[in-house]
Amino acid sequence: PRDPSGTPSADSIKIKKEVANAFVKRQKRFDIYEWYSEYYKSPMEQMRERCENYPPCEYLSEQIGFPMAYNRFFG
């Protein structure tokens, strides 16, 4: 069904809930350890992310290694 202006009406755009759910599946988490490790990172992982987010540290870590680069900028 179209309007006199030639655009589709809102009723023709709607789809059934079951069809929509076939496309969009929510990821369910059952593993408590996976959830914990995602939200609470180790100190080393936090340090790596801090260095990765600072371009001079990231560049230097590729040249001389992560521990020395981190200590130079944040140590």
PDB file of N, CA and C in Angstrom:
ATOM      1  N   PRO A   1       0.829  -1.191   0.000  1.00  0.00           N
ATOM      2  CA  PRO A   1       0.000   0.000   0.000  1.00  0.00           C
ATOM      3  C   PRO A   1       0.870   1.250   0.000  1.00  0.00           C
ATOM      4  N   ARG A   2       0.510   2.170  -0.857  1.00  0.00           N
ATOM      5  CA  ARG A   2       1.275   3.406  -0.956  1.00  0.00           C
ATOM      6  C   ARG A   2       0.364   4.597  -0.734  1.00  0.00           C
ATOM      7  N   ASP A   3       0.991   5.660  -0.244  1.00  0.00           N
ATOM      8  CA  ASP A   3       0.283   6.928  -0.114  1.00  0.00           C
ATOM      9  C   ASP A   3       0.101   7.520  -1.498  1.00  0.00           C
ATOM     10  N   PRO A   4      -0.764   8.510  -1.613  1.00  0.00           N
ATOM     11  CA  PRO A   4      -0.872   9.203  -2.900  1.00  0.00           C
ATOM     12  C   PRO A   4       0.448   9.855  -3.307  1.00  0.00           C
ATOM     13  N   SER A   5       1.327  10.137  -2.338  1.00  0.00           N
ATOM     14  CA  SER A   5       2.614  10.757  -2.675  1.00  0.00           C
ATOM     15  C   SER A   5       3.597   9.745  -3.254  1.00  0.00           C
ATOM     16  N   GLY A   6       3.309   8.448  -3.146  1.00  0.00           N
ATOM     17  CA  GLY A   6       4.158   7.425  -3.736  1.00  0.00           C
ATOM     18  C   GLY A   6       5.108   6.757  -2.757  1.00  0.00           C
ATOM     19  N   THR A   7       5.081   7.135  -1.478  1.00  0.00           N
ATOM     20  CA  THR A   7       5.953   6.503  -0.484  1.00  0.00           C
ATOM     21  C   THR A   7       5.221   5.366   0.201  1.00  0.00           C
ATOM     22  N   PRO A   8       5.946   4.340   0.652  1.00  0.00           N
ATOM     23  CA  PRO A   8       5.293   3.223   1.344  1.00  0.00           C
ATOM     24  C   PRO A   8       4.686   3.687   2.665  1.00  0.00           C
ATOM     25  N   SER A   9       3.577   3.109   3.043  1.00  0.00           N
ATOM     26  CA  SER A   9       2.946   3.477   4.308  1.00  0.00           C
ATOM     27  C   SER A   9       3.661   2.761   5.458  1.00  0.00           C
ATOM     28  N   ALA A  10       3.413   3.222   6.670  1.00  0.00           N
ATOM     29  CA  ALA A  10       4.068   2.650   7.848  1.00  0.00           C
ATOM     30  C   ALA A  10       3.649   1.202   8.065  1.00  0.00           C
ATOM     31  N   ASP A  11       2.427   0.846   7.704  1.00  0.00           N
ATOM     32  CA  ASP A  11       1.954  -0.530   7.891  1.00  0.00           C
ATOM     33  C   ASP A  11       2.713  -1.517   7.017  1.00  0.00           C
ATOM     34  N   SER A  12       3.159  -1.102   5.862  1.00  0.00           N
ATOM     35  CA  SER A  12       3.868  -2.020   4.979  1.00  0.00           C
ATOM     36  C   SER A  12       5.313  -2.222   5.398  1.00  0.00           C
ATOM     37  N   ILE A  13       5.830  -1.379   6.294  1.00  0.00           N
ATOM     38  CA  ILE A  13       7.217  -1.491   6.747  1.00  0.00           C
ATOM     39  C   ILE A  13       7.338  -2.424   7.943  1.00  0.00           C
ATOM     40  N   LYS A  14       6.305  -2.580   8.720  1.00  0.00           N
ATOM     41  CA  LYS A  14       6.341  -3.391   9.937  1.00  0.00           C
ATOM     42  C   LYS A  14       6.526  -4.867   9.600  1.00  0.00           C
ATOM     43  N   ILE A  15       7.297  -5.555  10.484  1.00  0.00           N
ATOM     44  CA  ILE A  15       7.470  -7.007  10.348  1.00  0.00           C
ATOM     45  C   ILE A  15       7.093  -7.657  11.670  1.00  0.00           C
ATOM     46  N   LYS A  16       6.858  -8.946  11.636  1.00  0.00           N
ATOM     47  CA  LYS A  16       6.462  -9.662  12.836  1.00  0.00           C
ATOM     48  C   LYS A  16       7.639  -9.760  13.805  1.00  0.00           C
ATOM     49  N   LYS A  17       7.323  -9.881  15.074  1.00  0.00           N
ATOM     50  CA  LYS A  17       8.331  -9.956  16.126  1.00  0.00           C
ATOM     51  C   LYS A  17       9.242 -11.176  15.945  1.00  0.00           C
ATOM     52  N   GLU A  18       8.687 -12.293  15.552  1.00  0.00           N
ATOM     53  CA  GLU A  18       9.471 -13.516  15.373  1.00  0.00           C
ATOM     54  C   GLU A  18      10.496 -13.357  14.250  1.00  0.00           C
ATOM     55  N   VAL A  19      10.083 -12.679  13.194  1.00  0.00           N
ATOM     56  CA  VAL A  19      10.995 -12.456  12.067  1.00  0.00           C
ATOM     57  C   VAL A  19      12.122 -11.512  12.482  1.00  0.00           C
ATOM     58  N   ALA A  20      11.781 -10.487  13.233  1.00  0.00           N
ATOM     59  CA  ALA A  20      12.800  -9.546  13.696  1.00  0.00           C
ATOM     60  C   ALA A  20      13.787 -10.229  14.637  1.00  0.00           C
ATOM     61  N   ASN A  21      13.306 -11.097  15.513  1.00  0.00           N
ATOM     62  CA  ASN A  21      14.185 -11.794  16.452  1.00  0.00           C
ATOM     63  C   ASN A  21      15.113 -12.776  15.757  1.00  0.00           C
ATOM     64  N   ALA A  22      14.747 -13.231  14.584  1.00  0.00           N
ATOM     65  CA  ALA A  22      15.625 -14.125  13.839  1.00  0.00           C
ATOM     66  C   ALA A  22      16.891 -13.391  13.391  1.00  0.00           C
ATOM     67  N   PHE A  23      16.785 -12.094  13.186  1.00  0.00           N
ATOM     68  CA  PHE A  23      17.942 -11.299  12.765  1.00  0.00           C
ATOM     69  C   PHE A  23      18.766 -10.814  13.947  1.00  0.00           C
ATOM     70  N   VAL A  24      18.102 -10.441  15.012  1.00  0.00           N
ATOM     71  CA  VAL A  24      18.785  -9.853  16.159  1.00  0.00           C
ATOM     72  C   VAL A  24      18.751 -10.842  17.307  1.00  0.00           C
ATOM     73  N   LYS A  25      19.872 -11.476  17.557  1.00  0.00           N
ATOM     74  CA  LYS A  25      19.976 -12.411  18.670  1.00  0.00           C
ATOM     75  C   LYS A  25      20.857 -11.797  19.745  1.00  0.00           C
ATOM     76  N   ARG A  26      20.369 -11.762  20.947  1.00  0.00           N
ATOM     77  CA  ARG A  26      21.140 -11.218  22.054  1.00  0.00           C
ATOM     78  C   ARG A  26      22.070 -12.294  22.581  1.00  0.00           C
ATOM     79  N   GLN A  27      23.308 -11.887  22.823  1.00  0.00           N
ATOM     80  CA  GLN A  27      24.293 -12.843  23.326  1.00  0.00           C
ATOM     81  C   GLN A  27      24.103 -12.995  24.833  1.00  0.00           C
ATOM     82  N   LYS A  28      23.864 -14.216  25.272  1.00  0.00           N
ATOM     83  CA  LYS A  28      23.651 -14.455  26.693  1.00  0.00           C
ATOM     84  C   LYS A  28      24.942 -14.953  27.308  1.00  0.00           C
ATOM     85  N   ARG A  29      25.219 -14.478  28.509  1.00  0.00           N
ATOM     86  CA  ARG A  29      26.441 -14.877  29.214  1.00  0.00           C
ATOM     87  C   ARG A  29      26.051 -15.754  30.402  1.00  0.00           C
ATOM     88  N   PHE A  30      26.600 -16.945  30.400  1.00  0.00           N
ATOM     89  CA  PHE A  30      26.343 -17.851  31.497  1.00  0.00           C
ATOM     90  C   PHE A  30      27.599 -18.091  32.322  1.00  0.00           C
ATOM     91  N   ASP A  31      28.754 -17.843  31.721  1.00  0.00           N
ATOM     92  CA  ASP A  31      30.009 -18.126  32.384  1.00  0.00           C
ATOM     93  C   ASP A  31      30.412 -16.938  33.262  1.00  0.00           C
ATOM     94  N   ILE A  32      30.427 -17.143  34.566  1.00  0.00           N
ATOM     95  CA  ILE A  32      30.737 -16.065  35.505  1.00  0.00           C
ATOM     96  C   ILE A  32      32.185 -15.601  35.350  1.00  0.00           C
ATOM     97  N   TYR A  33      33.098 -16.511  34.994  1.00  0.00           N
ATOM     98  CA  TYR A  33      34.505 -16.133  34.844  1.00  0.00           C
ATOM     99  C   TYR A  33      34.711 -15.253  33.627  1.00  0.00           C
ATOM    100  N   GLU A  34      33.982 -15.491  32.557  1.00  0.00           N
ATOM    101  CA  GLU A  34      34.064 -14.649  31.363  1.00  0.00           C
ATOM    102  C   GLU A  34      33.561 -13.250  31.686  1.00  0.00           C
ATOM    103  N   TRP A  35      32.471 -13.165  32.404  1.00  0.00           N
ATOM    104  CA  TRP A  35      31.925 -11.872  32.795  1.00  0.00           C
ATOM    105  C   TRP A  35      32.907 -11.125  33.691  1.00  0.00           C
ATOM    106  N   TYR A  36      33.491 -11.827  34.653  1.00  0.00           N
ATOM    107  CA  TYR A  36      34.427 -11.210  35.595  1.00  0.00           C
ATOM    108  C   TYR A  36      35.668 -10.699  34.884  1.00  0.00           C
ATOM    109  N   SER A  37      36.236 -11.496  33.994  1.00  0.00           N
ATOM    110  CA  SER A  37      37.459 -11.083  33.307  1.00  0.00           C
ATOM    111  C   SER A  37      37.208  -9.932  32.345  1.00  0.00           C
ATOM    112  N   GLU A  38      35.996  -9.795  31.854  1.00  0.00           N
ATOM    113  CA  GLU A  38      35.674  -8.697  30.953  1.00  0.00           C
ATOM    114  C   GLU A  38      35.579  -7.376  31.713  1.00  0.00           C
ATOM    115  N   TYR A  39      35.024  -7.407  32.905  1.00  0.00           N
ATOM    116  CA  TYR A  39      34.802  -6.179  33.659  1.00  0.00           C
ATOM    117  C   TYR A  39      35.942  -5.823  34.605  1.00  0.00           C
ATOM    118  N   TYR A  40      36.724  -6.793  35.051  1.00  0.00           N
ATOM    119  CA  TYR A  40      37.823  -6.548  35.965  1.00  0.00           C
ATOM    120  C   TYR A  40      39.112  -7.046  35.337  1.00  0.00           C
ATOM    121  N   LYS A  41      39.843  -6.143  34.723  1.00  0.00           N
ATOM    122  CA  LYS A  41      41.053  -6.518  34.005  1.00  0.00           C
ATOM    123  C   LYS A  41      42.236  -6.564  34.957  1.00  0.00           C
ATOM    124  N   SER A  42      43.245  -7.358  34.588  1.00  0.00           N
ATOM    125  CA  SER A  42      44.444  -7.457  35.397  1.00  0.00           C
ATOM    126  C   SER A  42      45.217  -6.144  35.333  1.00  0.00           C
ATOM    127  N   PRO A  43      46.066  -5.871  36.315  1.00  0.00           N
ATOM    128  CA  PRO A  43      46.857  -4.641  36.282  1.00  0.00           C
ATOM    129  C   PRO A  43      47.729  -4.529  35.032  1.00  0.00           C
ATOM    130  N   MET A  44      48.273  -5.644  34.562  1.00  0.00           N
ATOM    131  CA  MET A  44      49.110  -5.607  33.365  1.00  0.00           C
ATOM    132  C   MET A  44      48.285  -5.229  32.141  1.00  0.00           C
ATOM    133  N   GLU A  45      47.072  -5.750  32.049  1.00  0.00           N
ATOM    134  CA  GLU A  45      46.193  -5.411  30.923  1.00  0.00           C
ATOM    135  C   GLU A  45      45.814  -3.931  30.966  1.00  0.00           C
ATOM    136  N   GLN A  46      45.575  -3.414  32.160  1.00  0.00           N
ATOM    137  CA  GLN A  46      45.268  -1.992  32.293  1.00  0.00           C
ATOM    138  C   GLN A  46      46.453  -1.130  31.864  1.00  0.00           C
ATOM    139  N   MET A  47      47.661  -1.558  32.226  1.00  0.00           N
ATOM    140  CA  MET A  47      48.858  -0.819  31.831  1.00  0.00           C
ATOM    141  C   MET A  47      49.037  -0.845  30.320  1.00  0.00           C
ATOM    142  N   ARG A  48      48.823  -2.000  29.710  1.00  0.00           N
ATOM    143  CA  ARG A  48      48.949  -2.106  28.249  1.00  0.00           C
ATOM    144  C   ARG A  48      47.952  -1.195  27.540  1.00  0.00           C
ATOM    145  N   GLU A  49      46.716  -1.175  28.008  1.00  0.00           N
ATOM    146  CA  GLU A  49      45.707  -0.312  27.387  1.00  0.00           C
ATOM    147  C   GLU A  49      46.062   1.161  27.556  1.00  0.00           C
ATOM    148  N   ARG A  50      46.605   1.514  28.699  1.00  0.00           N
ATOM    149  CA  ARG A  50      47.015   2.907  28.920  1.00  0.00           C
ATOM    150  C   ARG A  50      48.121   3.295  27.948  1.00  0.00           C
ATOM    151  N   CYS A  51      49.060   2.401  27.724  1.00  0.00           N
ATOM    152  CA  CYS A  51      50.147   2.667  26.786  1.00  0.00           C
ATOM    153  C   CYS A  51      49.630   2.696  25.348  1.00  0.00           C
ATOM    154  N   GLU A  52      48.711   1.797  25.001  1.00  0.00           N
ATOM    155  CA  GLU A  52      48.165   1.764  23.642  1.00  0.00           C
ATOM    156  C   GLU A  52      47.377   3.031  23.313  1.00  0.00           C
ATOM    157  N   ASN A  53      46.752   3.636  24.314  1.00  0.00           N
ATOM    158  CA  ASN A  53      45.950   4.834  24.088  1.00  0.00           C
ATOM    159  C   ASN A  53      46.794   6.099  23.994  1.00  0.00           C
ATOM    160  N   TYR A  54      48.093   6.009  24.284  1.00  0.00           N
ATOM    161  CA  TYR A  54      48.995   7.157  24.203  1.00  0.00           C
ATOM    162  C   TYR A  54      49.978   6.877  23.061  1.00  0.00           C
ATOM    163  N   PRO A  55      49.794   7.519  21.901  1.00  0.00           N
ATOM    164  CA  PRO A  55      50.579   7.172  20.709  1.00  0.00           C
ATOM    165  C   PRO A  55      52.102   7.157  20.887  1.00  0.00           C
ATOM    166  N   PRO A  56      52.736   8.108  21.604  1.00  0.00           N
ATOM    167  CA  PRO A  56      54.195   8.004  21.763  1.00  0.00           C
ATOM    168  C   PRO A  56      54.620   6.731  22.508  1.00  0.00           C
ATOM    169  N   CYS A  57      53.850   6.342  23.503  1.00  0.00           N
ATOM    170  CA  CYS A  57      54.173   5.120  24.249  1.00  0.00           C
ATOM    171  C   CYS A  57      53.984   3.889  23.369  1.00  0.00           C
ATOM    172  N   GLU A  58      52.923   3.876  22.605  1.00  0.00           N
ATOM    173  CA  GLU A  58      52.674   2.738  21.709  1.00  0.00           C
ATOM    174  C   GLU A  58      53.791   2.604  20.682  1.00  0.00           C
ATOM    175  N   TYR A  59      54.204   3.712  20.106  1.00  0.00           N
ATOM    176  CA  TYR A  59      55.274   3.686  19.107  1.00  0.00           C
ATOM    177  C   TYR A  59      56.581   3.199  19.735  1.00  0.00           C
ATOM    178  N   LEU A  60      56.925   3.739  20.914  1.00  0.00           N
ATOM    179  CA  LEU A  60      58.173   3.345  21.567  1.00  0.00           C
ATOM    180  C   LEU A  60      58.131   1.882  22.010  1.00  0.00           C
ATOM    181  N   SER A  61      56.956   1.394  22.394  1.00  0.00           N
ATOM    182  CA  SER A  61      56.867  -0.007  22.822  1.00  0.00           C
ATOM    183  C   SER A  61      57.156  -0.966  21.668  1.00  0.00           C
ATOM    184  N   GLU A  62      56.863  -0.538  20.445  1.00  0.00           N
ATOM    185  CA  GLU A  62      57.198  -1.372  19.285  1.00  0.00           C
ATOM    186  C   GLU A  62      58.702  -1.378  19.030  1.00  0.00           C
ATOM    187  N   GLN A  63      59.389  -0.325  19.462  1.00  0.00           N
ATOM    188  CA  GLN A  63      60.821  -0.221  19.230  1.00  0.00           C
ATOM    189  C   GLN A  63      61.642  -0.905  20.321  1.00  0.00           C
ATOM    190  N   ILE A  64      61.329  -0.619  21.583  1.00  0.00           N
ATOM    191  CA  ILE A  64      62.175  -1.113  22.685  1.00  0.00           C
ATOM    192  C   ILE A  64      61.455  -2.076  23.619  1.00  0.00           C
ATOM    193  N   GLY A  65      60.176  -2.306  23.417  1.00  0.00           N
ATOM    194  CA  GLY A  65      59.426  -3.222  24.270  1.00  0.00           C
ATOM    195  C   GLY A  65      58.495  -2.484  25.211  1.00  0.00           C
ATOM    196  N   PHE A  66      57.457  -3.170  25.598  1.00  0.00           N
ATOM    197  CA  PHE A  66      56.419  -2.550  26.418  1.00  0.00           C
ATOM    198  C   PHE A  66      56.903  -2.109  27.797  1.00  0.00           C
ATOM    199  N   PRO A  67      57.617  -2.951  28.562  1.00  0.00           N
ATOM    200  CA  PRO A  67      57.967  -2.527  29.938  1.00  0.00           C
ATOM    201  C   PRO A  67      58.811  -1.253  29.975  1.00  0.00           C
ATOM    202  N   MET A  68      59.792  -1.149  29.115  1.00  0.00           N
ATOM    203  CA  MET A  68      60.648   0.042  29.127  1.00  0.00           C
ATOM    204  C   MET A  68      59.885   1.273  28.642  1.00  0.00           C
ATOM    205  N   ALA A  69      59.034   1.106  27.631  1.00  0.00           N
ATOM    206  CA  ALA A  69      58.259   2.237  27.129  1.00  0.00           C
ATOM    207  C   ALA A  69      57.277   2.721  28.191  1.00  0.00           C
ATOM    208  N   TYR A  70      56.636   1.799  28.879  1.00  0.00           N
ATOM    209  CA  TYR A  70      55.672   2.192  29.906  1.00  0.00           C
ATOM    210  C   TYR A  70      56.370   2.941  31.031  1.00  0.00           C
ATOM    211  N   ASN A  71      57.524   2.425  31.473  1.00  0.00           N
ATOM    212  CA  ASN A  71      58.256   3.080  32.542  1.00  0.00           C
ATOM    213  C   ASN A  71      58.744   4.463  32.139  1.00  0.00           C
ATOM    214  N   ARG A  72      59.063   4.636  30.891  1.00  0.00           N
ATOM    215  CA  ARG A  72      59.537   5.935  30.432  1.00  0.00           C
ATOM    216  C   ARG A  72      58.440   7.001  30.499  1.00  0.00           C
ATOM    217  N   PHE A  73      57.219   6.633  30.120  1.00  0.00           N
ATOM    218  CA  PHE A  73      56.140   7.614  30.074  1.00  0.00           C
ATOM    219  C   PHE A  73      55.314   7.676  31.363  1.00  0.00           C
ATOM    220  N   PHE A  74      55.105   6.545  31.994  1.00  0.00           N
ATOM    221  CA  PHE A  74      54.203   6.515  33.142  1.00  0.00           C
ATOM    222  C   PHE A  74      54.876   6.037  34.430  1.00  0.00           C
ATOM    223  N   GLY A  75      56.125   5.597  34.347  1.00  0.00           N
ATOM    224  CA  GLY A  75      56.811   4.998  35.480  1.00  0.00           C
ATOM    225  C   GLY A  75      57.179   5.940  36.530  1.00  0.00           C
TER     226      GLY A  75
END
